[in-house]
Amino acid sequence: MTAPLHMMKLCVGAPGPDALAQWQRERFGDGPAQHVTRMWPRRAEELLAGGSIYWVFKGTMLARQRLLAFEERKGDDGITRCALLLDPKLVPVAAVPRRAFQGWRYLKPGDAPPDVPEHRAADTPLPPGLARELAAMGLL
């Protein structure tokens, strides 16, 4: 079996993983979080075989959420979009700097950063800018 495909997306409006998790809890409760995007992934089957969405905050990839499903959503404008249904748990990952991009991008399994070890998950996270600089120097 091959490793699952992932996607990465800029997180706009939340300064870090904790703020995104809080916003999702307030909006979706304990159920799956949702993110609606304009385009439907062509490689949906590969993404749903255990893939995650990796969130980029202020130029640094810091967290991921497992992709659970894709559903059609029709907007108020009548345009059909794709809702990404996400595991409500945000998993911290090793900080990786990323340049800005639009939409989302596929992320090959070998390019996905490792999860932060459980014993470090409760550590106070570094500010995204500092994490980005340290990661760029190879110190994270």
N, C-alpha and C. Protein backbone atom coordinates (compact mmCIF):
# COMPACT_ATOMS: atom_id res chain seq x y z
N MET A 1 0.85 -1.19 0.00
CA MET A 1 0.00 0.00 0.00
C MET A 1 0.89 1.25 0.00
N THR A 2 0.51 2.22 -0.79
CA THR A 2 1.29 3.45 -0.86
C THR A 2 0.83 4.42 0.22
N ALA A 3 1.72 5.33 0.56
CA ALA A 3 1.40 6.33 1.57
C ALA A 3 0.34 7.28 1.02
N PRO A 4 -0.53 7.80 1.88
CA PRO A 4 -1.60 8.69 1.40
C PRO A 4 -1.07 10.04 0.92
N LEU A 5 -1.80 10.62 0.02
CA LEU A 5 -1.52 11.96 -0.47
C LEU A 5 -2.13 12.96 0.52
N HIS A 6 -1.50 14.12 0.66
CA HIS A 6 -1.99 15.16 1.56
C HIS A 6 -2.23 16.44 0.76
N MET A 7 -2.80 17.43 1.41
CA MET A 7 -2.91 18.75 0.82
C MET A 7 -2.44 19.77 1.84
N MET A 8 -2.01 20.93 1.35
CA MET A 8 -1.67 22.02 2.26
C MET A 8 -2.46 23.25 1.86
N LYS A 9 -2.76 24.06 2.86
CA LYS A 9 -3.61 25.23 2.66
C LYS A 9 -3.16 26.33 3.61
N LEU A 10 -3.17 27.56 3.11
CA LEU A 10 -2.90 28.70 3.99
C LEU A 10 -4.09 28.89 4.91
N CYS A 11 -3.82 29.14 6.17
CA CYS A 11 -4.89 29.44 7.12
C CYS A 11 -4.97 30.95 7.24
N VAL A 12 -6.06 31.50 6.74
CA VAL A 12 -6.25 32.94 6.76
C VAL A 12 -7.22 33.28 7.89
N GLY A 13 -6.85 34.22 8.73
CA GLY A 13 -7.75 34.66 9.79
C GLY A 13 -7.44 34.09 11.15
N ALA A 14 -6.61 33.07 11.23
CA ALA A 14 -6.20 32.52 12.52
C ALA A 14 -4.68 32.63 12.61
N PRO A 15 -4.17 33.23 13.68
CA PRO A 15 -2.72 33.41 13.78
C PRO A 15 -1.94 32.14 14.06
N GLY A 16 -2.62 31.09 14.54
CA GLY A 16 -1.93 29.84 14.85
C GLY A 16 -2.91 28.71 15.06
N PRO A 17 -2.41 27.50 15.29
CA PRO A 17 -3.28 26.33 15.45
C PRO A 17 -4.31 26.46 16.57
N ASP A 18 -3.92 27.04 17.71
CA ASP A 18 -4.88 27.16 18.82
C ASP A 18 -6.08 28.01 18.43
N ALA A 19 -5.84 29.10 17.73
CA ALA A 19 -6.94 29.97 17.29
C ALA A 19 -7.82 29.26 16.28
N LEU A 20 -7.22 28.49 15.36
CA LEU A 20 -8.01 27.73 14.39
C LEU A 20 -8.87 26.68 15.11
N ALA A 21 -8.28 25.97 16.06
CA ALA A 21 -9.02 24.94 16.81
C ALA A 21 -10.19 25.57 17.56
N GLN A 22 -9.97 26.71 18.19
CA GLN A 22 -11.04 27.40 18.92
C GLN A 22 -12.16 27.82 17.97
N TRP A 23 -11.79 28.41 16.84
CA TRP A 23 -12.79 28.85 15.86
C TRP A 23 -13.61 27.65 15.37
N GLN A 24 -12.95 26.54 15.08
CA GLN A 24 -13.66 25.35 14.60
C GLN A 24 -14.59 24.79 15.67
N ARG A 25 -14.14 24.75 16.94
CA ARG A 25 -15.00 24.25 18.03
C ARG A 25 -16.24 25.12 18.17
N GLU A 26 -16.05 26.45 18.10
CA GLU A 26 -17.18 27.37 18.23
C GLU A 26 -18.17 27.19 17.09
N ARG A 27 -17.68 26.91 15.93
CA ARG A 27 -18.53 26.81 14.75
C ARG A 27 -19.13 25.42 14.54
N PHE A 28 -18.34 24.36 14.83
CA PHE A 28 -18.78 23.00 14.50
C PHE A 28 -18.93 22.08 15.70
N GLY A 29 -18.67 22.58 16.92
CA GLY A 29 -18.79 21.75 18.11
C GLY A 29 -17.75 20.63 18.10
N ASP A 30 -18.15 19.45 18.57
CA ASP A 30 -17.23 18.31 18.64
C ASP A 30 -17.23 17.48 17.36
N GLY A 31 -18.10 17.81 16.42
CA GLY A 31 -18.17 17.06 15.17
C GLY A 31 -17.08 17.45 14.21
N PRO A 32 -17.10 16.88 13.02
CA PRO A 32 -16.08 17.21 12.02
C PRO A 32 -16.09 18.70 11.69
N ALA A 33 -14.90 19.24 11.56
CA ALA A 33 -14.75 20.62 11.10
C ALA A 33 -14.94 20.62 9.59
N GLN A 34 -15.24 21.78 9.04
CA GLN A 34 -15.44 21.87 7.59
C GLN A 34 -14.68 23.07 7.05
N HIS A 35 -14.18 22.87 5.85
CA HIS A 35 -13.57 23.97 5.11
C HIS A 35 -14.08 23.88 3.68
N VAL A 36 -14.73 24.92 3.21
CA VAL A 36 -15.31 24.91 1.86
C VAL A 36 -14.34 25.58 0.90
N THR A 37 -14.09 24.90 -0.20
CA THR A 37 -13.17 25.39 -1.22
C THR A 37 -13.86 25.36 -2.58
N ARG A 38 -13.38 26.18 -3.48
CA ARG A 38 -14.02 26.31 -4.78
C ARG A 38 -13.86 25.07 -5.64
N MET A 39 -12.68 24.47 -5.59
CA MET A 39 -12.37 23.36 -6.49
C MET A 39 -12.49 22.01 -5.78
N TRP A 40 -12.93 21.00 -6.53
CA TRP A 40 -12.99 19.63 -6.03
C TRP A 40 -11.66 18.96 -6.35
N PRO A 41 -11.01 18.31 -5.39
CA PRO A 41 -9.72 17.67 -5.68
C PRO A 41 -9.87 16.54 -6.71
N ARG A 42 -9.04 16.56 -7.74
CA ARG A 42 -9.06 15.49 -8.75
C ARG A 42 -8.55 14.18 -8.17
N ARG A 43 -7.74 14.28 -7.15
CA ARG A 43 -7.13 13.09 -6.55
C ARG A 43 -7.78 12.77 -5.20
N ALA A 44 -9.09 12.95 -5.14
CA ALA A 44 -9.84 12.79 -3.89
C ALA A 44 -9.65 11.41 -3.27
N GLU A 45 -9.67 10.37 -4.08
CA GLU A 45 -9.54 9.01 -3.55
C GLU A 45 -8.21 8.83 -2.81
N GLU A 46 -7.13 9.38 -3.38
CA GLU A 46 -5.82 9.28 -2.74
C GLU A 46 -5.78 10.07 -1.43
N LEU A 47 -6.43 11.23 -1.41
CA LEU A 47 -6.47 12.06 -0.21
C LEU A 47 -7.24 11.38 0.91
N LEU A 48 -8.32 10.69 0.55
CA LEU A 48 -9.18 10.06 1.56
C LEU A 48 -8.64 8.72 2.03
N ALA A 49 -7.51 8.29 1.51
CA ALA A 49 -6.88 7.03 1.93
C ALA A 49 -5.94 7.28 3.11
N GLY A 50 -6.31 8.21 4.00
CA GLY A 50 -5.51 8.51 5.18
C GLY A 50 -4.78 9.83 5.12
N GLY A 51 -5.09 10.67 4.15
CA GLY A 51 -4.42 11.96 4.00
C GLY A 51 -4.91 13.00 4.98
N SER A 52 -4.15 14.08 5.07
CA SER A 52 -4.46 15.19 5.97
C SER A 52 -4.35 16.50 5.21
N ILE A 53 -4.95 17.54 5.78
CA ILE A 53 -4.72 18.90 5.30
C ILE A 53 -3.70 19.51 6.27
N TYR A 54 -2.62 20.02 5.71
CA TYR A 54 -1.56 20.66 6.49
C TYR A 54 -1.77 22.16 6.42
N TRP A 55 -1.91 22.79 7.58
CA TRP A 55 -2.21 24.21 7.67
C TRP A 55 -0.94 25.04 7.77
N VAL A 56 -0.87 26.10 6.96
CA VAL A 56 0.25 27.05 6.96
C VAL A 56 -0.25 28.34 7.62
N PHE A 57 0.44 28.74 8.70
CA PHE A 57 0.11 29.96 9.43
C PHE A 57 1.25 30.95 9.27
N LYS A 58 0.97 32.10 8.68
CA LYS A 58 1.96 33.17 8.54
C LYS A 58 3.29 32.64 8.00
N GLY A 59 3.24 31.84 6.96
CA GLY A 59 4.45 31.36 6.31
C GLY A 59 5.08 30.12 6.91
N THR A 60 4.42 29.48 7.88
CA THR A 60 4.98 28.29 8.51
C THR A 60 3.91 27.21 8.65
N MET A 61 4.22 26.02 8.15
CA MET A 61 3.33 24.87 8.32
C MET A 61 3.48 24.39 9.76
N LEU A 62 2.36 24.38 10.52
CA LEU A 62 2.43 24.07 11.96
C LEU A 62 1.49 22.98 12.43
N ALA A 63 0.47 22.61 11.64
CA ALA A 63 -0.52 21.64 12.12
C ALA A 63 -1.17 20.94 10.95
N ARG A 64 -1.81 19.81 11.27
CA ARG A 64 -2.56 19.06 10.26
C ARG A 64 -3.86 18.55 10.86
N GLN A 65 -4.81 18.27 9.96
CA GLN A 65 -6.07 17.63 10.33
C GLN A 65 -6.33 16.54 9.32
N ARG A 66 -6.75 15.37 9.80
CA ARG A 66 -7.05 14.26 8.90
C ARG A 66 -8.29 14.57 8.07
N LEU A 67 -8.20 14.27 6.78
CA LEU A 67 -9.34 14.44 5.86
C LEU A 67 -10.28 13.26 6.03
N LEU A 68 -11.57 13.53 6.26
CA LEU A 68 -12.55 12.47 6.48
C LEU A 68 -13.42 12.21 5.25
N ALA A 69 -13.80 13.26 4.56
CA ALA A 69 -14.70 13.12 3.42
C ALA A 69 -14.76 14.44 2.66
N PHE A 70 -15.35 14.37 1.47
CA PHE A 70 -15.64 15.56 0.66
C PHE A 70 -17.13 15.54 0.37
N GLU A 71 -17.78 16.69 0.49
CA GLU A 71 -19.21 16.80 0.20
C GLU A 71 -19.47 18.03 -0.66
N GLU A 72 -20.47 17.93 -1.51
CA GLU A 72 -20.88 19.08 -2.31
C GLU A 72 -21.59 20.09 -1.44
N ARG A 73 -21.33 21.37 -1.68
CA ARG A 73 -22.04 22.47 -1.03
C ARG A 73 -22.40 23.47 -2.11
N LYS A 74 -23.66 23.85 -2.13
CA LYS A 74 -24.11 24.87 -3.07
C LYS A 74 -24.17 26.19 -2.33
N GLY A 75 -23.46 27.18 -2.85
CA GLY A 75 -23.42 28.49 -2.22
C GLY A 75 -24.68 29.29 -2.50
N ASP A 76 -24.82 30.42 -1.80
CA ASP A 76 -25.95 31.32 -2.02
C ASP A 76 -25.97 31.82 -3.46
N ASP A 77 -24.81 31.80 -4.12
CA ASP A 77 -24.71 32.25 -5.50
C ASP A 77 -25.05 31.15 -6.50
N GLY A 78 -25.41 29.95 -5.99
CA GLY A 78 -25.77 28.85 -6.86
C GLY A 78 -24.60 28.03 -7.37
N ILE A 79 -23.38 28.41 -7.00
CA ILE A 79 -22.19 27.69 -7.45
C ILE A 79 -21.91 26.52 -6.51
N THR A 80 -21.65 25.35 -7.10
CA THR A 80 -21.32 24.16 -6.32
C THR A 80 -19.85 24.20 -5.93
N ARG A 81 -19.60 23.94 -4.66
CA ARG A 81 -18.24 23.94 -4.12
C ARG A 81 -17.98 22.61 -3.41
N CYS A 82 -16.77 22.45 -2.90
CA CYS A 82 -16.37 21.23 -2.20
C CYS A 82 -16.13 21.54 -0.73
N ALA A 83 -16.83 20.82 0.15
CA ALA A 83 -16.60 20.95 1.58
C ALA A 83 -15.64 19.84 2.00
N LEU A 84 -14.53 20.22 2.60
CA LEU A 84 -13.59 19.25 3.17
C LEU A 84 -14.06 18.99 4.59
N LEU A 85 -14.38 17.75 4.90
CA LEU A 85 -14.75 17.39 6.27
C LEU A 85 -13.49 16.90 6.97
N LEU A 86 -13.20 17.49 8.13
CA LEU A 86 -11.94 17.29 8.81
C LEU A 86 -12.13 16.75 10.21
N ASP A 87 -11.21 15.87 10.61
CA ASP A 87 -11.17 15.41 12.00
C ASP A 87 -11.03 16.66 12.87
N PRO A 88 -11.80 16.79 13.95
CA PRO A 88 -11.70 18.01 14.76
C PRO A 88 -10.35 18.17 15.46
N LYS A 89 -9.58 17.10 15.59
CA LYS A 89 -8.29 17.18 16.28
C LYS A 89 -7.21 17.78 15.37
N LEU A 90 -6.61 18.88 15.81
CA LEU A 90 -5.45 19.46 15.12
C LEU A 90 -4.20 18.84 15.72
N VAL A 91 -3.36 18.30 14.86
CA VAL A 91 -2.13 17.64 15.29
C VAL A 91 -0.96 18.57 14.99
N PRO A 92 -0.18 18.96 16.00
CA PRO A 92 0.99 19.80 15.74
C PRO A 92 2.03 19.04 14.93
N VAL A 93 2.66 19.73 13.98
CA VAL A 93 3.72 19.13 13.17
C VAL A 93 4.98 19.97 13.29
N ALA A 94 6.11 19.37 12.93
CA ALA A 94 7.37 20.11 12.93
C ALA A 94 7.23 21.32 12.01
N ALA A 95 7.69 22.46 12.47
CA ALA A 95 7.56 23.71 11.71
C ALA A 95 8.35 23.64 10.41
N VAL A 96 7.68 24.00 9.31
CA VAL A 96 8.32 24.03 7.99
C VAL A 96 7.92 25.34 7.33
N PRO A 97 8.91 26.14 6.89
CA PRO A 97 8.57 27.38 6.21
C PRO A 97 7.94 27.10 4.85
N ARG A 98 6.95 27.89 4.48
CA ARG A 98 6.27 27.78 3.17
C ARG A 98 5.98 29.17 2.66
N ARG A 99 6.24 29.36 1.37
CA ARG A 99 5.89 30.63 0.74
C ARG A 99 4.38 30.68 0.53
N ALA A 100 3.88 31.89 0.38
CA ALA A 100 2.45 32.08 0.14
C ALA A 100 2.05 31.48 -1.21
N PHE A 101 0.83 30.97 -1.29
CA PHE A 101 0.27 30.43 -2.52
C PHE A 101 -1.24 30.59 -2.43
N GLN A 102 -1.91 30.46 -3.56
CA GLN A 102 -3.36 30.58 -3.57
C GLN A 102 -3.99 29.20 -3.59
N GLY A 103 -5.18 29.11 -3.03
CA GLY A 103 -5.90 27.84 -3.04
C GLY A 103 -5.23 26.83 -2.14
N TRP A 104 -5.17 25.58 -2.59
CA TRP A 104 -4.48 24.53 -1.86
C TRP A 104 -3.55 23.81 -2.82
N ARG A 105 -2.64 23.07 -2.28
CA ARG A 105 -1.66 22.33 -3.07
C ARG A 105 -1.61 20.90 -2.56
N TYR A 106 -1.33 19.96 -3.47
CA TYR A 106 -1.08 18.59 -3.05
C TYR A 106 0.27 18.55 -2.34
N LEU A 107 0.40 17.66 -1.39
CA LEU A 107 1.62 17.50 -0.62
C LEU A 107 1.96 16.01 -0.60
N LYS A 108 3.06 15.66 -1.22
CA LYS A 108 3.48 14.26 -1.27
C LYS A 108 3.83 13.78 0.13
N PRO A 109 3.61 12.49 0.41
CA PRO A 109 3.90 11.97 1.75
C PRO A 109 5.32 12.27 2.22
N GLY A 110 6.31 12.17 1.33
CA GLY A 110 7.69 12.43 1.70
C GLY A 110 7.98 13.89 2.02
N ASP A 111 7.10 14.80 1.59
CA ASP A 111 7.29 16.23 1.84
C ASP A 111 6.52 16.71 3.08
N ALA A 112 5.71 15.84 3.65
CA ALA A 112 4.92 16.21 4.83
C ALA A 112 5.80 16.17 6.07
N PRO A 113 5.74 17.21 6.90
CA PRO A 113 6.56 17.22 8.11
C PRO A 113 6.04 16.19 9.13
N PRO A 114 6.92 15.70 9.98
CA PRO A 114 6.47 14.73 11.00
C PRO A 114 5.63 15.41 12.08
N ASP A 115 4.79 14.62 12.71
CA ASP A 115 4.03 15.11 13.86
C ASP A 115 5.00 15.44 15.00
N VAL A 116 4.62 16.43 15.80
CA VAL A 116 5.38 16.73 17.01
C VAL A 116 5.16 15.56 17.97
N PRO A 117 6.22 15.04 18.61
CA PRO A 117 6.04 13.92 19.53
C PRO A 117 5.05 14.25 20.65
N GLU A 118 4.32 13.23 21.09
CA GLU A 118 3.28 13.42 22.14
C GLU A 118 3.82 14.15 23.37
N HIS A 119 5.05 13.82 23.79
CA HIS A 119 5.57 14.45 25.00
C HIS A 119 5.86 15.93 24.81
N ARG A 120 5.88 16.41 23.56
CA ARG A 120 6.11 17.83 23.30
C ARG A 120 4.82 18.56 22.89
N ALA A 121 3.75 17.82 22.69
CA ALA A 121 2.51 18.42 22.19
C ALA A 121 1.95 19.47 23.14
N ALA A 122 2.19 19.31 24.44
CA ALA A 122 1.66 20.26 25.42
C ALA A 122 2.56 21.48 25.61
N ASP A 123 3.75 21.49 24.97
CA ASP A 123 4.65 22.64 25.07
C ASP A 123 3.97 23.89 24.52
N THR A 124 4.31 25.03 25.06
CA THR A 124 3.81 26.30 24.53
C THR A 124 4.38 26.47 23.13
N PRO A 125 3.51 26.65 22.12
CA PRO A 125 4.03 26.78 20.75
C PRO A 125 4.80 28.09 20.57
N LEU A 126 5.80 28.01 19.71
CA LEU A 126 6.56 29.21 19.36
C LEU A 126 5.69 30.11 18.48
N PRO A 127 5.92 31.42 18.52
CA PRO A 127 5.22 32.29 17.57
C PRO A 127 5.56 31.85 16.15
N PRO A 128 4.59 31.89 15.23
CA PRO A 128 4.84 31.41 13.86
C PRO A 128 6.07 32.02 13.19
N GLY A 129 6.32 33.31 13.37
CA GLY A 129 7.48 33.95 12.74
C GLY A 129 8.79 33.36 13.26
N LEU A 130 8.89 33.16 14.57
CA LEU A 130 10.09 32.58 15.16
C LEU A 130 10.25 31.12 14.71
N ALA A 131 9.16 30.37 14.70
CA ALA A 131 9.21 28.98 14.25
C ALA A 131 9.68 28.91 12.80
N ARG A 132 9.21 29.83 11.96
CA ARG A 132 9.60 29.86 10.55
C ARG A 132 11.10 30.12 10.42
N GLU A 133 11.61 31.10 11.17
CA GLU A 133 13.04 31.42 11.10
C GLU A 133 13.91 30.27 11.61
N LEU A 134 13.51 29.65 12.69
CA LEU A 134 14.28 28.52 13.22
C LEU A 134 14.24 27.33 12.28
N ALA A 135 13.09 27.08 11.67
CA ALA A 135 12.96 25.98 10.71
C ALA A 135 13.82 26.26 9.49
N ALA A 136 13.88 27.50 9.03
CA ALA A 136 14.70 27.85 7.86
C ALA A 136 16.18 27.62 8.14
N MET A 137 16.57 27.76 9.41
CA MET A 137 17.96 27.52 9.79
C MET A 137 18.24 26.05 10.11
N GLY A 138 17.18 25.23 10.06
CA GLY A 138 17.34 23.81 10.36
C GLY A 138 17.40 23.50 11.85
N LEU A 139 16.90 24.41 12.67
CA LEU A 139 16.97 24.25 14.13
C LEU A 139 15.69 23.69 14.74
N LEU A 140 14.68 23.45 13.95
CA LEU A 140 13.43 22.85 14.46
C LEU A 140 13.17 21.55 13.76
